[in-house]
C-alpha atoms as a PDB file:
ATOM      1  CA  UNK A   1       8.126  25.730  -5.378  1.00  0.00           C
ATOM      2  CA  UNK A   2       7.864  22.613  -3.189  1.00  0.00           C
ATOM      3  CA  UNK A   3       6.088  23.975  -0.148  1.00  0.00           C
ATOM      4  CA  UNK A   4       4.786  21.654   2.576  1.00  0.00           C
ATOM      5  CA  UNK A   5       1.214  21.483   1.136  1.00  0.00           C
ATOM      6  CA  UNK A   6       2.634  20.681  -2.316  1.00  0.00           C
ATOM      7  CA  UNK A   7       4.890  17.965  -0.909  1.00  0.00           C
ATOM      8  CA  UNK A   8       1.983  16.505   1.085  1.00  0.00           C
ATOM      9  CA  UNK A   9      -0.118  16.314  -2.098  1.00  0.00           C
ATOM     10  CA  UNK A  10       2.763  14.737  -4.018  1.00  0.00           C
ATOM     11  CA  UNK A  11       3.270  12.168  -1.273  1.00  0.00           C
ATOM     12  CA  UNK A  12      -0.394  11.153  -1.448  1.00  0.00           C
ATOM     13  CA  UNK A  13      -0.192  10.554  -5.208  1.00  0.00           C
ATOM     14  CA  UNK A  14       3.181   8.831  -4.819  1.00  0.00           C
ATOM     15  CA  UNK A  15       2.058   6.343  -2.198  1.00  0.00           C
ATOM     16  CA  UNK A  16      -1.117   5.458  -4.079  1.00  0.00           C
ATOM     17  CA  UNK A  17       0.992   4.788  -7.201  1.00  0.00           C
ATOM     18  CA  UNK A  18       3.330   2.590  -5.194  1.00  0.00           C
ATOM     19  CA  UNK A  19       0.430   0.709  -3.618  1.00  0.00           C
ATOM     20  CA  UNK A  20      -0.905  -0.122  -7.075  1.00  0.00           C
ATOM     21  CA  UNK A  21       2.550  -1.191  -8.236  1.00  0.00           C
ATOM     22  CA  UNK A  22       3.058  -3.439  -5.213  1.00  0.00           C
ATOM     23  CA  UNK A  23      -0.455  -4.847  -5.677  1.00  0.00           C
ATOM     24  CA  UNK A  24       0.435  -5.820  -9.252  1.00  0.00           C
ATOM     25  CA  UNK A  25       3.679  -7.389  -7.999  1.00  0.00           C
ATOM     26  CA  UNK A  26       1.657  -9.465  -5.545  1.00  0.00           C
ATOM     27  CA  UNK A  27      -0.630 -10.657  -8.346  1.00  0.00           C
ATOM     28  CA  UNK A  28       2.430 -11.621 -10.428  1.00  0.00           C
ATOM     29  CA  UNK A  29       3.498 -14.143  -7.782  1.00  0.00           C
ATOM     30  CA  UNK A  30       2.927 -17.744  -8.812  1.00  0.00           C
ATOM     31  CA  UNK A  31       3.142 -19.524  -5.483  1.00  0.00           C
ATOM     32  CA  UNK A  32       1.620 -22.703  -6.962  1.00  0.00           C
ATOM     33  CA  UNK A  33       4.529 -23.099  -9.348  1.00  0.00           C
ATOM     34  CA  UNK A  34       6.990 -22.262  -6.594  1.00  0.00           C
ATOM     35  CA  UNK A  35       5.444 -25.011  -4.469  1.00  0.00           C
ATOM     36  CA  UNK A  36       5.586 -27.575  -7.279  1.00  0.00           C
ATOM     37  CA  UNK A  37       9.343 -26.924  -7.607  1.00  0.00           C
ATOM     38  CA  UNK A  38       9.817 -26.197  -3.931  1.00  0.00           C
ATOM     39  CA  UNK A  39      13.257 -27.745  -3.421  1.00  0.00           C
ATOM     40  CA  UNK A  40      14.954 -25.786  -6.201  1.00  0.00           C
ATOM     41  CA  UNK A  41      12.967 -22.622  -5.456  1.00  0.00           C
ATOM     42  CA  UNK A  42      13.484 -22.873  -1.706  1.00  0.00           C
ATOM     43  CA  UNK A  43      17.236 -23.480  -1.926  1.00  0.00           C
ATOM     44  CA  UNK A  44      17.857 -20.709  -4.446  1.00  0.00           C
ATOM     45  CA  UNK A  45      15.557 -18.045  -3.009  1.00  0.00           C
ATOM     46  CA  UNK A  46      16.588 -18.892   0.543  1.00  0.00           C
ATOM     47  CA  UNK A  47      20.321 -18.550  -0.081  1.00  0.00           C
ATOM     48  CA  UNK A  48      19.781 -15.523  -2.360  1.00  0.00           C
ATOM     49  CA  UNK A  49      18.052 -13.843   0.585  1.00  0.00           C
ATOM     50  CA  UNK A  50      19.904 -15.060   3.682  1.00  0.00           C
ATOM     51  CA  UNK A  51      23.497 -14.563   2.499  1.00  0.00           C
ATOM     52  CA  UNK A  52      23.139 -10.881   1.441  1.00  0.00           C
ATOM     53  CA  UNK A  53      21.012 -10.321   4.552  1.00  0.00           C
ATOM     54  CA  UNK A  54      23.952 -11.479   6.682  1.00  0.00           C
ATOM     55  CA  UNK A  55      26.416  -9.409   4.648  1.00  0.00           C
ATOM     56  CA  UNK A  56      24.200  -6.328   4.892  1.00  0.00           C
ATOM     57  CA  UNK A  57      23.654  -6.823   8.628  1.00  0.00           C
ATOM     58  CA  UNK A  58      27.414  -7.043   9.127  1.00  0.00           C
ATOM     59  CA  UNK A  59      27.805  -3.764   7.205  1.00  0.00           C
ATOM     60  CA  UNK A  60      25.099  -2.213   9.400  1.00  0.00           C
ATOM     61  CA  UNK A  61      26.958  -3.264  12.555  1.00  0.00           C
ATOM     62  CA  UNK A  62      30.042  -1.496  11.222  1.00  0.00           C
ATOM     63  CA  UNK A  63      27.996   1.641  10.505  1.00  0.00           C
ATOM     64  CA  UNK A  64      26.461   1.643  13.984  1.00  0.00           C
ATOM     65  CA  UNK A  65      29.922   1.937  15.502  1.00  0.00           C
ATOM     66  CA  UNK A  66      29.653   5.547  14.367  1.00  0.00           C
ATOM     67  CA  UNK A  67      26.806   7.935  15.148  1.00  0.00           C
ATOM     68  CA  UNK A  68      24.109   9.266  12.846  1.00  0.00           C
ATOM     69  CA  UNK A  69      22.728   6.077  11.286  1.00  0.00           C
ATOM     70  CA  UNK A  70      20.034   4.959  13.757  1.00  0.00           C
ATOM     71  CA  UNK A  71      16.775   6.915  13.904  1.00  0.00           C
ATOM     72  CA  UNK A  72      15.252   8.393  17.036  1.00  0.00           C
ATOM     73  CA  UNK A  73      12.827   5.464  17.416  1.00  0.00           C
ATOM     74  CA  UNK A  74      15.025   2.716  15.982  1.00  0.00           C
ATOM     75  CA  UNK A  75      16.307  -0.022  18.270  1.00  0.00           C
ATOM     76  CA  UNK A  76      19.715  -1.428  17.179  1.00  0.00           C
ATOM     77  CA  UNK A  77      18.172  -4.744  16.072  1.00  0.00           C
ATOM     78  CA  UNK A  78      15.602  -2.897  13.944  1.00  0.00           C
ATOM     79  CA  UNK A  79      18.289  -0.819  12.235  1.00  0.00           C
ATOM     80  CA  UNK A  80      20.537  -3.836  11.596  1.00  0.00           C
ATOM     81  CA  UNK A  81      17.685  -6.002  10.311  1.00  0.00           C
ATOM     82  CA  UNK A  82      16.304  -3.153   8.198  1.00  0.00           C
ATOM     83  CA  UNK A  83      19.635  -2.380   6.532  1.00  0.00           C
ATOM     84  CA  UNK A  84      20.387  -6.080   6.090  1.00  0.00           C
ATOM     85  CA  UNK A  85      17.043  -6.684   4.424  1.00  0.00           C
ATOM     86  CA  UNK A  86      17.535  -3.657   2.188  1.00  0.00           C
ATOM     87  CA  UNK A  87      20.745  -5.298   0.928  1.00  0.00           C
ATOM     88  CA  UNK A  88      18.983  -8.623   0.349  1.00  0.00           C
ATOM     89  CA  UNK A  89      15.770  -7.610  -1.401  1.00  0.00           C
ATOM     90  CA  UNK A  90      15.048  -8.065  -5.109  1.00  0.00           C
ATOM     91  CA  UNK A  91      12.562  -5.589  -6.588  1.00  0.00           C
ATOM     92  CA  UNK A  92      10.076  -7.821  -8.397  1.00  0.00           C
ATOM     93  CA  UNK A  93       8.391  -5.051 -10.474  1.00  0.00           C
ATOM     94  CA  UNK A  94      11.743  -3.729 -11.729  1.00  0.00           C
ATOM     95  CA  UNK A  95      12.947  -7.279 -12.387  1.00  0.00           C
ATOM     96  CA  UNK A  96       9.864  -7.858 -14.565  1.00  0.00           C
ATOM     97  CA  UNK A  97      10.576  -4.697 -16.569  1.00  0.00           C
ATOM     98  CA  UNK A  98      14.238  -5.622 -17.022  1.00  0.00           C
ATOM     99  CA  UNK A  99      13.428  -9.141 -18.211  1.00  0.00           C
ATOM    100  CA  UNK A 100      10.901  -7.677 -20.652  1.00  0.00           C
ATOM    101  CA  UNK A 101      13.706  -5.503 -21.993  1.00  0.00           C
ATOM    102  CA  UNK A 102      15.985  -8.554 -22.311  1.00  0.00           C
ATOM    103  CA  UNK A 103      13.097 -10.514 -23.944  1.00  0.00           C
ATOM    104  CA  UNK A 104      13.300 -13.389 -21.460  1.00  0.00           C
ATOM    105  CA  UNK A 105      10.295 -12.663 -19.229  1.00  0.00           C
ATOM    106  CA  UNK A 106       8.011 -15.266 -20.848  1.00  0.00           C
ATOM    107  CA  UNK A 107      10.878 -17.698 -21.412  1.00  0.00           C
ATOM    108  CA  UNK A 108      11.578 -20.576 -18.975  1.00  0.00           C
ATOM    109  CA  UNK A 109      14.578 -18.695 -17.531  1.00  0.00           C
ATOM    110  CA  UNK A 110      12.449 -15.642 -16.818  1.00  0.00           C
ATOM    111  CA  UNK A 111       9.810 -17.723 -15.069  1.00  0.00           C
ATOM    112  CA  UNK A 112      12.486 -19.438 -12.983  1.00  0.00           C
ATOM    113  CA  UNK A 113      13.894 -16.114 -11.841  1.00  0.00           C
ATOM    114  CA  UNK A 114      10.402 -14.832 -11.032  1.00  0.00           C
ATOM    115  CA  UNK A 115       9.927 -17.860  -8.772  1.00  0.00           C
ATOM    116  CA  UNK A 116      13.155 -17.137  -6.925  1.00  0.00           C
ATOM    117  CA  UNK A 117      12.386 -13.435  -6.575  1.00  0.00           C
ATOM    118  CA  UNK A 118       8.779 -13.989  -5.524  1.00  0.00           C
ATOM    119  CA  UNK A 119       9.635 -15.666  -2.223  1.00  0.00           C
ATOM    120  CA  UNK A 120      12.148 -12.915  -1.461  1.00  0.00           C
ATOM    121  CA  UNK A 121       9.413 -10.379  -2.183  1.00  0.00           C
ATOM    122  CA  UNK A 122       7.145 -12.130   0.325  1.00  0.00           C
ATOM    123  CA  UNK A 123       9.986 -12.128   2.856  1.00  0.00           C
ATOM    124  CA  UNK A 124      10.615  -8.370   2.756  1.00  0.00           C
ATOM    125  CA  UNK A 125       7.027  -7.562   3.729  1.00  0.00           C
ATOM    126  CA  UNK A 126       7.171 -10.185   6.463  1.00  0.00           C
ATOM    127  CA  UNK A 127      10.377  -8.647   7.821  1.00  0.00           C
ATOM    128  CA  UNK A 128       8.837  -5.169   7.580  1.00  0.00           C
ATOM    129  CA  UNK A 129       5.842  -6.357   9.598  1.00  0.00           C
ATOM    130  CA  UNK A 130       8.259  -7.773  12.204  1.00  0.00           C
ATOM    131  CA  UNK A 131      10.234  -4.532  12.401  1.00  0.00           C
ATOM    132  CA  UNK A 132       7.061  -2.448  12.738  1.00  0.00           C
ATOM    133  CA  UNK A 133       5.400  -4.812  15.203  1.00  0.00           C
ATOM    134  CA  UNK A 134       3.922  -2.694  17.951  1.00  0.00           C
ATOM    135  CA  UNK A 135       3.491  -4.782  21.088  1.00  0.00           C
ATOM    136  CA  UNK A 136       1.004  -2.273  22.457  1.00  0.00           C
ATOM    137  CA  UNK A 137      -1.191  -2.913  19.401  1.00  0.00           C
ATOM    138  CA  UNK A 138      -0.409  -6.589  18.891  1.00  0.00           C
ATOM    139  CA  UNK A 139      -4.069  -7.471  19.491  1.00  0.00           C
ATOM    140  CA  UNK A 140      -5.158  -5.125  16.730  1.00  0.00           C
ATOM    141  CA  UNK A 141      -2.543  -6.575  14.394  1.00  0.00           C
ATOM    142  CA  UNK A 142      -3.594 -10.144  15.183  1.00  0.00           C
ATOM    143  CA  UNK A 143      -7.189  -9.113  14.552  1.00  0.00           C
ATOM    144  CA  UNK A 144      -6.204  -7.681  11.175  1.00  0.00           C
ATOM    145  CA  UNK A 145      -4.521 -10.945  10.140  1.00  0.00           C
ATOM    146  CA  UNK A 146      -7.546 -13.013  11.168  1.00  0.00           C
ATOM    147  CA  UNK A 147      -9.975 -10.645   9.409  1.00  0.00           C
ATOM    148  CA  UNK A 148      -7.714 -10.542   6.343  1.00  0.00           C
ATOM    149  CA  UNK A 149      -7.729 -14.347   6.120  1.00  0.00           C
ATOM    150  CA  UNK A 150     -11.525 -14.454   6.174  1.00  0.00           C
ATOM    151  CA  UNK A 151     -11.848 -11.554   3.732  1.00  0.00           C
ATOM    152  CA  UNK A 152      -9.276 -13.116   1.379  1.00  0.00           C
ATOM    153  CA  UNK A 153     -11.304 -16.333   1.254  1.00  0.00           C
ATOM    154  CA  UNK A 154     -14.417 -14.321   0.396  1.00  0.00           C
ATOM    155  CA  UNK A 155     -12.714 -12.177  -2.256  1.00  0.00           C
ATOM    156  CA  UNK A 156     -11.301 -15.251  -3.978  1.00  0.00           C
ATOM    157  CA  UNK A 157     -14.768 -16.790  -4.142  1.00  0.00           C
ATOM    158  CA  UNK A 158     -16.177 -13.527  -5.498  1.00  0.00           C
ATOM    159  CA  UNK A 159     -13.481 -12.950  -8.119  1.00  0.00           C
ATOM    160  CA  UNK A 160     -14.022 -16.231  -9.957  1.00  0.00           C
ATOM    161  CA  UNK A 161     -17.698 -15.358 -10.397  1.00  0.00           C
ATOM    162  CA  UNK A 162     -17.092 -11.881 -11.839  1.00  0.00           C
ATOM    163  CA  UNK A 163     -16.551 -10.998 -15.500  1.00  0.00           C
ATOM    164  CA  UNK A 164     -12.903 -10.206 -16.146  1.00  0.00           C
ATOM    165  CA  UNK A 165     -13.457  -6.465 -16.701  1.00  0.00           C
ATOM    166  CA  UNK A 166     -15.219  -6.153 -13.339  1.00  0.00           C
ATOM    167  CA  UNK A 167     -12.330  -7.817 -11.504  1.00  0.00           C
ATOM    168  CA  UNK A 168     -10.232  -4.691 -12.026  1.00  0.00           C
ATOM    169  CA  UNK A 169     -12.730  -2.464 -10.190  1.00  0.00           C
ATOM    170  CA  UNK A 170     -13.236  -4.918  -7.348  1.00  0.00           C
ATOM    171  CA  UNK A 171      -9.490  -5.557  -7.153  1.00  0.00           C
ATOM    172  CA  UNK A 172      -8.658  -1.874  -6.673  1.00  0.00           C
ATOM    173  CA  UNK A 173     -11.371  -1.474  -4.021  1.00  0.00           C
ATOM    174  CA  UNK A 174      -9.938  -4.568  -2.294  1.00  0.00           C
ATOM    175  CA  UNK A 175      -6.469  -2.963  -2.480  1.00  0.00           C
ATOM    176  CA  UNK A 176      -7.641   0.271  -0.855  1.00  0.00           C
ATOM    177  CA  UNK A 177      -9.502  -1.596   1.901  1.00  0.00           C
ATOM    178  CA  UNK A 178      -6.519  -3.823   2.737  1.00  0.00           C
ATOM    179  CA  UNK A 179      -4.126  -0.876   2.734  1.00  0.00           C
ATOM    180  CA  UNK A 180      -6.351   1.098   5.079  1.00  0.00           C
ATOM    181  CA  UNK A 181      -6.865  -1.882   7.419  1.00  0.00           C
ATOM    182  CA  UNK A 182      -3.135  -2.720   7.563  1.00  0.00           C
ATOM    183  CA  UNK A 183      -2.265   0.896   8.345  1.00  0.00           C
ATOM    184  CA  UNK A 184      -4.948   1.007  11.048  1.00  0.00           C
ATOM    185  CA  UNK A 185      -3.392  -2.110  12.574  1.00  0.00           C
ATOM    186  CA  UNK A 186       0.062  -0.508  12.567  1.00  0.00           C
ATOM    187  CA  UNK A 187       1.586  -2.772   9.900  1.00  0.00           C
ATOM    188  CA  UNK A 188       1.721  -0.008   7.222  1.00  0.00           C
ATOM    189  CA  UNK A 189      -0.543   0.143   4.203  1.00  0.00           C
ATOM    190  CA  UNK A 190       2.209  -1.213   1.915  1.00  0.00           C
ATOM    191  CA  UNK A 191       2.010  -4.560   3.726  1.00  0.00           C
ATOM    192  CA  UNK A 192      -1.733  -4.555   3.099  1.00  0.00           C
ATOM    193  CA  UNK A 193      -1.190  -3.645  -0.564  1.00  0.00           C
ATOM    194  CA  UNK A 194       1.133  -6.573  -1.131  1.00  0.00           C
ATOM    195  CA  UNK A 195      -1.099  -9.045   0.702  1.00  0.00           C
ATOM    196  CA  UNK A 196      -4.154  -7.875  -1.259  1.00  0.00           C
ATOM    197  CA  UNK A 197      -2.396  -8.761  -4.508  1.00  0.00           C
ATOM    198  CA  UNK A 198      -0.728 -11.966  -3.291  1.00  0.00           C
ATOM    199  CA  UNK A 199      -4.074 -13.665  -2.582  1.00  0.00           C
ATOM    200  CA  UNK A 200      -5.305 -13.005  -6.138  1.00  0.00           C
ATOM    201  CA  UNK A 201      -4.462 -15.236  -9.095  1.00  0.00           C
ATOM    202  CA  UNK A 202      -2.710 -13.768 -12.124  1.00  0.00           C
ATOM    203  CA  UNK A 203      -4.877 -16.040 -14.325  1.00  0.00           C
ATOM    204  CA  UNK A 204      -7.927 -13.984 -13.349  1.00  0.00           C
ATOM    205  CA  UNK A 205      -6.582 -11.005 -15.338  1.00  0.00           C
ATOM    206  CA  UNK A 206      -5.653 -10.696 -18.994  1.00  0.00           C
ATOM    207  CA  UNK A 207      -1.856 -10.810 -19.207  1.00  0.00           C
ATOM    208  CA  UNK A 208      -1.562  -8.114 -21.877  1.00  0.00           C
ATOM    209  CA  UNK A 209      -3.875  -5.795 -19.944  1.00  0.00           C
ATOM    210  CA  UNK A 210      -1.879  -6.370 -16.762  1.00  0.00           C
ATOM    211  CA  UNK A 211       1.405  -5.575 -18.514  1.00  0.00           C
ATOM    212  CA  UNK A 212      -0.095  -2.446 -20.092  1.00  0.00           C
ATOM    213  CA  UNK A 213      -1.606  -1.343 -16.771  1.00  0.00           C
ATOM    214  CA  UNK A 214       1.719  -1.740 -14.984  1.00  0.00           C
ATOM    215  CA  UNK A 215       3.588   0.137 -17.715  1.00  0.00           C
ATOM    216  CA  UNK A 216       1.044   3.003 -17.701  1.00  0.00           C
ATOM    217  CA  UNK A 217       1.363   3.364 -13.928  1.00  0.00           C
ATOM    218  CA  UNK A 218       5.146   3.363 -14.263  1.00  0.00           C
ATOM    219  CA  UNK A 219       5.088   5.962 -17.038  1.00  0.00           C
ATOM    220  CA  UNK A 220       2.391   8.338 -15.806  1.00  0.00           C
ATOM    221  CA  UNK A 221       2.243   8.138 -11.999  1.00  0.00           C
ATOM    222  CA  UNK A 222       5.385   6.508 -10.593  1.00  0.00           C
ATOM    223  CA  UNK A 223       7.599   9.519 -11.517  1.00  0.00           C
ATOM    224  CA  UNK A 224       5.741  11.383  -8.750  1.00  0.00           C
ATOM    225  CA  UNK A 225       7.074   8.819  -6.268  1.00  0.00           C
ATOM    226  CA  UNK A 226      10.644   9.241  -7.498  1.00  0.00           C
ATOM    227  CA  UNK A 227      10.253  13.035  -7.344  1.00  0.00           C
ATOM    228  CA  UNK A 228       8.955  12.745  -3.794  1.00  0.00           C
ATOM    229  CA  UNK A 229      11.862  10.449  -2.886  1.00  0.00           C
ATOM    230  CA  UNK A 230      14.377  12.818  -4.435  1.00  0.00           C
ATOM    231  CA  UNK A 231      13.029  15.713  -2.379  1.00  0.00           C
ATOM    232  CA  UNK A 232      13.667  13.679   0.792  1.00  0.00           C
ATOM    233  CA  UNK A 233      17.309  13.021  -0.083  1.00  0.00           C
ATOM    234  CA  UNK A 234      19.634  15.294   1.868  1.00  0.00           C
ATOM    235  CA  UNK A 235      23.124  15.558   0.415  1.00  0.00           C
ATOM    236  CA  UNK A 236      24.264  18.066   3.009  1.00  0.00           C
ATOM    237  CA  UNK A 237      23.915  15.505   5.831  1.00  0.00           C
ATOM    238  CA  UNK A 238      26.803  13.156   6.522  1.00  0.00           C
ATOM    239  CA  UNK A 239      29.201  14.389   3.844  1.00  0.00           C
ATOM    240  CA  UNK A 240      31.636  11.830   2.491  1.00  0.00           C
ATOM    241  CA  UNK A 241      30.477   9.337   5.124  1.00  0.00           C
ATOM    242  CA  UNK A 242      27.267   8.837   3.105  1.00  0.00           C
ATOM    243  CA  UNK A 243      29.215   7.789   0.016  1.00  0.00           C
ATOM    244  CA  UNK A 244      31.493   5.592   2.102  1.00  0.00           C
ATOM    245  CA  UNK A 245      28.491   3.855   3.675  1.00  0.00           C
ATOM    246  CA  UNK A 246      26.815   3.512   0.268  1.00  0.00           C
ATOM    247  CA  UNK A 247      29.944   1.871  -1.121  1.00  0.00           C
ATOM    248  CA  UNK A 248      30.115  -0.520   1.827  1.00  0.00           C
ATOM    249  CA  UNK A 249      26.436  -1.442   1.410  1.00  0.00           C
ATOM    250  CA  UNK A 250      26.824  -1.872  -2.360  1.00  0.00           C
ATOM    251  CA  UNK A 251      29.720  -4.308  -1.873  1.00  0.00           C
ATOM    252  CA  UNK A 252      27.766  -6.215   0.791  1.00  0.00           C
ATOM    253  CA  UNK A 253      24.669  -6.343  -1.402  1.00  0.00           C
ATOM    254  CA  UNK A 254      26.308  -7.428  -4.654  1.00  0.00           C
ATOM    255  CA  UNK A 255      28.799  -9.908  -3.206  1.00  0.00           C
ATOM    256  CA  UNK A 256      26.227 -11.347  -0.809  1.00  0.00           C
ATOM    257  CA  UNK A 257      23.658 -11.942  -3.553  1.00  0.00           C
ATOM    258  CA  UNK A 258      26.199 -13.472  -5.930  1.00  0.00           C
ATOM    259  CA  UNK A 259      27.681 -15.654  -3.176  1.00  0.00           C
ATOM    260  CA  UNK A 260      24.240 -16.931  -2.176  1.00  0.00           C
ATOM    261  CA  UNK A 261      23.192 -17.776  -5.738  1.00  0.00           C
ATOM    262  CA  UNK A 262      26.551 -19.415  -6.541  1.00  0.00           C
ATOM    263  CA  UNK A 263      26.205 -21.551  -3.423  1.00  0.00           C
ATOM    264  CA  UNK A 264      22.721 -22.572  -4.582  1.00  0.00           C
ATOM    265  CA  UNK A 265      24.158 -23.396  -8.001  1.00  0.00           C
ATOM    266  CA  UNK A 266      26.709 -25.731  -6.434  1.00  0.00           C
ATOM    267  CA  UNK A 267      24.044 -27.515  -4.398  1.00  0.00           C
ATOM    268  CA  UNK A 268      21.704 -27.869  -7.388  1.00  0.00           C
ATOM    269  CA  UNK A 269      24.542 -28.649  -9.854  1.00  0.00           C
ATOM    270  CA  UNK A 270      23.836 -25.864 -12.309  1.00  0.00           C
ATOM    271  CA  UNK A 271      25.822 -25.380 -15.499  1.00  0.00           C
ATOM    272  CA  UNK A 272      28.825 -23.064 -15.629  1.00  0.00           C
ATOM    273  CA  UNK A 273      27.794 -19.402 -15.861  1.00  0.00           C
ATOM    274  CA  UNK A 274      24.181 -20.073 -14.881  1.00  0.00           C
ATOM    275  CA  UNK A 275      24.520 -18.787 -11.312  1.00  0.00           C
ATOM    276  CA  UNK A 276      26.227 -15.613 -12.500  1.00  0.00           C
ATOM    277  CA  UNK A 277      23.338 -14.659 -14.831  1.00  0.00           C
ATOM    278  CA  UNK A 278      20.689 -15.403 -12.216  1.00  0.00           C
ATOM    279  CA  UNK A 279      22.646 -13.682  -9.449  1.00  0.00           C
ATOM    280  CA  UNK A 280      23.047 -10.472 -11.416  1.00  0.00           C
ATOM    281  CA  UNK A 281      19.389 -10.392 -12.462  1.00  0.00           C
ATOM    282  CA  UNK A 282      18.399 -10.715  -8.798  1.00  0.00           C
ATOM    283  CA  UNK A 283      20.430  -7.570  -8.027  1.00  0.00           C
ATOM    284  CA  UNK A 284      17.572  -5.263  -9.058  1.00  0.00           C
ATOM    285  CA  UNK A 285      16.592  -3.314  -5.955  1.00  0.00           C
ATOM    286  CA  UNK A 286      15.605   0.219  -6.799  1.00  0.00           C
ATOM    287  CA  UNK A 287      11.836   0.455  -6.389  1.00  0.00           C
ATOM    288  CA  UNK A 288      10.991  -1.997  -3.580  1.00  0.00           C
ATOM    289  CA  UNK A 289      14.129  -1.127  -1.624  1.00  0.00           C
ATOM    290  CA  UNK A 290      13.341   2.584  -1.859  1.00  0.00           C
ATOM    291  CA  UNK A 291       9.774   1.920  -0.649  1.00  0.00           C
ATOM    292  CA  UNK A 292      11.165  -0.174   2.214  1.00  0.00           C
ATOM    293  CA  UNK A 293      13.678   2.532   3.166  1.00  0.00           C
ATOM    294  CA  UNK A 294      11.005   5.249   2.933  1.00  0.00           C
ATOM    295  CA  UNK A 295       8.881   3.369   5.462  1.00  0.00           C
ATOM    296  CA  UNK A 296      11.835   2.917   7.823  1.00  0.00           C
ATOM    297  CA  UNK A 297      12.535   6.647   7.529  1.00  0.00           C
ATOM    298  CA  UNK A 298       8.885   7.575   8.154  1.00  0.00           C
ATOM    299  CA  UNK A 299       8.902   5.434  11.298  1.00  0.00           C
ATOM    300  CA  UNK A 300      12.189   7.088  12.415  1.00  0.00           C
ATOM    301  CA  UNK A 301      14.011   3.756  12.505  1.00  0.00           C
ATOM    302  CA  UNK A 302      16.748   5.135  10.247  1.00  0.00           C
ATOM    303  CA  UNK A 303      17.974   8.688   9.640  1.00  0.00           C
ATOM    304  CA  UNK A 304      18.044  10.763   6.462  1.00  0.00           C
ATOM    305  CA  UNK A 305      21.751   9.965   6.218  1.00  0.00           C
ATOM    306  CA  UNK A 306      21.068   6.230   6.234  1.00  0.00           C
ATOM    307  CA  UNK A 307      18.232   6.683   3.749  1.00  0.00           C
ATOM    308  CA  UNK A 308      20.529   8.503   1.318  1.00  0.00           C
ATOM    309  CA  UNK A 309      23.194   5.797   1.622  1.00  0.00           C
ATOM    310  CA  UNK A 310      20.600   3.069   0.983  1.00  0.00           C
ATOM    311  CA  UNK A 311      19.212   5.018  -1.982  1.00  0.00           C
ATOM    312  CA  UNK A 312      22.661   5.261  -3.563  1.00  0.00           C
ATOM    313  CA  UNK A 313      23.238   1.551  -2.955  1.00  0.00           C
ATOM    314  CA  UNK A 314      19.911   0.602  -4.556  1.00  0.00           C
ATOM    315  CA  UNK A 315      20.450   2.785  -7.626  1.00  0.00           C
ATOM    316  CA  UNK A 316      24.019   1.514  -8.070  1.00  0.00           C
ATOM    317  CA  UNK A 317      23.029  -2.127  -7.715  1.00  0.00           C
ATOM    318  CA  UNK A 318      20.145  -1.779 -10.167  1.00  0.00           C
ATOM    319  CA  UNK A 319      22.206   0.122 -12.737  1.00  0.00           C
ATOM    320  CA  UNK A 320      24.797  -2.658 -12.819  1.00  0.00           C
ATOM    321  CA  UNK A 321      22.262  -5.313 -13.802  1.00  0.00           C
ATOM    322  CA  UNK A 322      21.544  -4.784 -17.523  1.00  0.00           C
ATOM    323  CA  UNK A 323      25.107  -4.020 -18.726  1.00  0.00           C
ATOM    324  CA  UNK A 324      26.453  -7.011 -16.788  1.00  0.00           C
ATOM    325  CA  UNK A 325      23.773  -9.541 -17.760  1.00  0.00           C
ATOM    326  CA  UNK A 326      23.418  -8.695 -21.472  1.00  0.00           C
ATOM    327  CA  UNK A 327      26.814 -10.067 -22.633  1.00  0.00           C
ATOM    328  CA  UNK A 328      26.442 -13.085 -20.332  1.00  0.00           C
ATOM    329  CA  UNK A 329      23.095 -14.007 -21.907  1.00  0.00           C
ATOM    330  CA  UNK A 330      24.602 -13.815 -25.396  1.00  0.00           C
ATOM    331  CA  UNK A 331      27.284 -16.317 -24.396  1.00  0.00           C
ATOM    332  CA  UNK A 332      24.760 -18.651 -22.760  1.00  0.00           C
ATOM    333  CA  UNK A 333      21.937 -18.641 -25.308  1.00  0.00           C
ATOM    334  CA  UNK A 334      20.804 -22.145 -24.333  1.00  0.00           C
ATOM    335  CA  UNK A 335      20.209 -21.075 -20.744  1.00  0.00           C
ATOM    336  CA  UNK A 336      17.106 -19.079 -21.704  1.00  0.00           C
ATOM    337  CA  UNK A 337      15.088 -22.223 -22.456  1.00  0.00           C
ATOM    338  CA  UNK A 338      16.247 -24.199 -19.402  1.00  0.00           C
ATOM    339  CA  UNK A 339      13.274 -24.885 -17.094  1.00  0.00           C
ATOM    340  CA  UNK A 340      15.158 -25.685 -13.841  1.00  0.00           C
END
């Protein structure tokens, strides 16, 4: 049923869906607000990223003591950094959907958490670019960044002069161009997709249309990506070691994220219970982490065994979020309206 031509076609649809989703996530970033509250945002997002990154990297070092986790083209530092970052990331698109479900997305708490997650979302694509940096093509990659900066300036000038309905067409063409250019440079088209959205302002698009567009992509096209990902998961490789590694990574991910956010809460003198709610909401990993792991697998930095362990970790971490946060929010009703 799933022959190679069928899988190739599915992968094409899947990656285009993911590029659109990541593009929307980039548009959702409000870097101006993050800058205006830079101390609080920097402390929280920094610790929420660095601590689980260290925990995940330590888990990766343990895994590398045994064979079968590093890909054919993966240097040890790339594998350790890749696994560590996979444990640290927060999936911004999934976080948005979860906060919509909890009815806090447009509340001050939701906007705070988006600020914290947004910088982590920027960081994962920066780390991916570092991992994929090809020193033989560093000139091409530097050229891409220079050309992207000039093109981004031009597209921003153009967008403000266009009617709102035309911005969607131009935005998607801009997305495709940036994805193609980033892949040509060796940085992967997902890096280009995120950058193409990050330089656009969310105010240029109608909020209700953006939410509807994202939900339609998630409902109609993103299942192809999850099908494609499922077909790449090999349960017959690694045996019980996969589940053991997944458990180790899940512990590193959850405890690292909670420890980092609680440390930020102490520094910023948050109220009791505040760090716990924020820390658990930042646990959402599934989509962006799976994209990240897919790229590492494509580049042969990790193996199918590692990919399966990371997939289990991401699903487990994400599934814990809603049932853990819901009762906490009910107890801390006043937290929803707290701005910082």
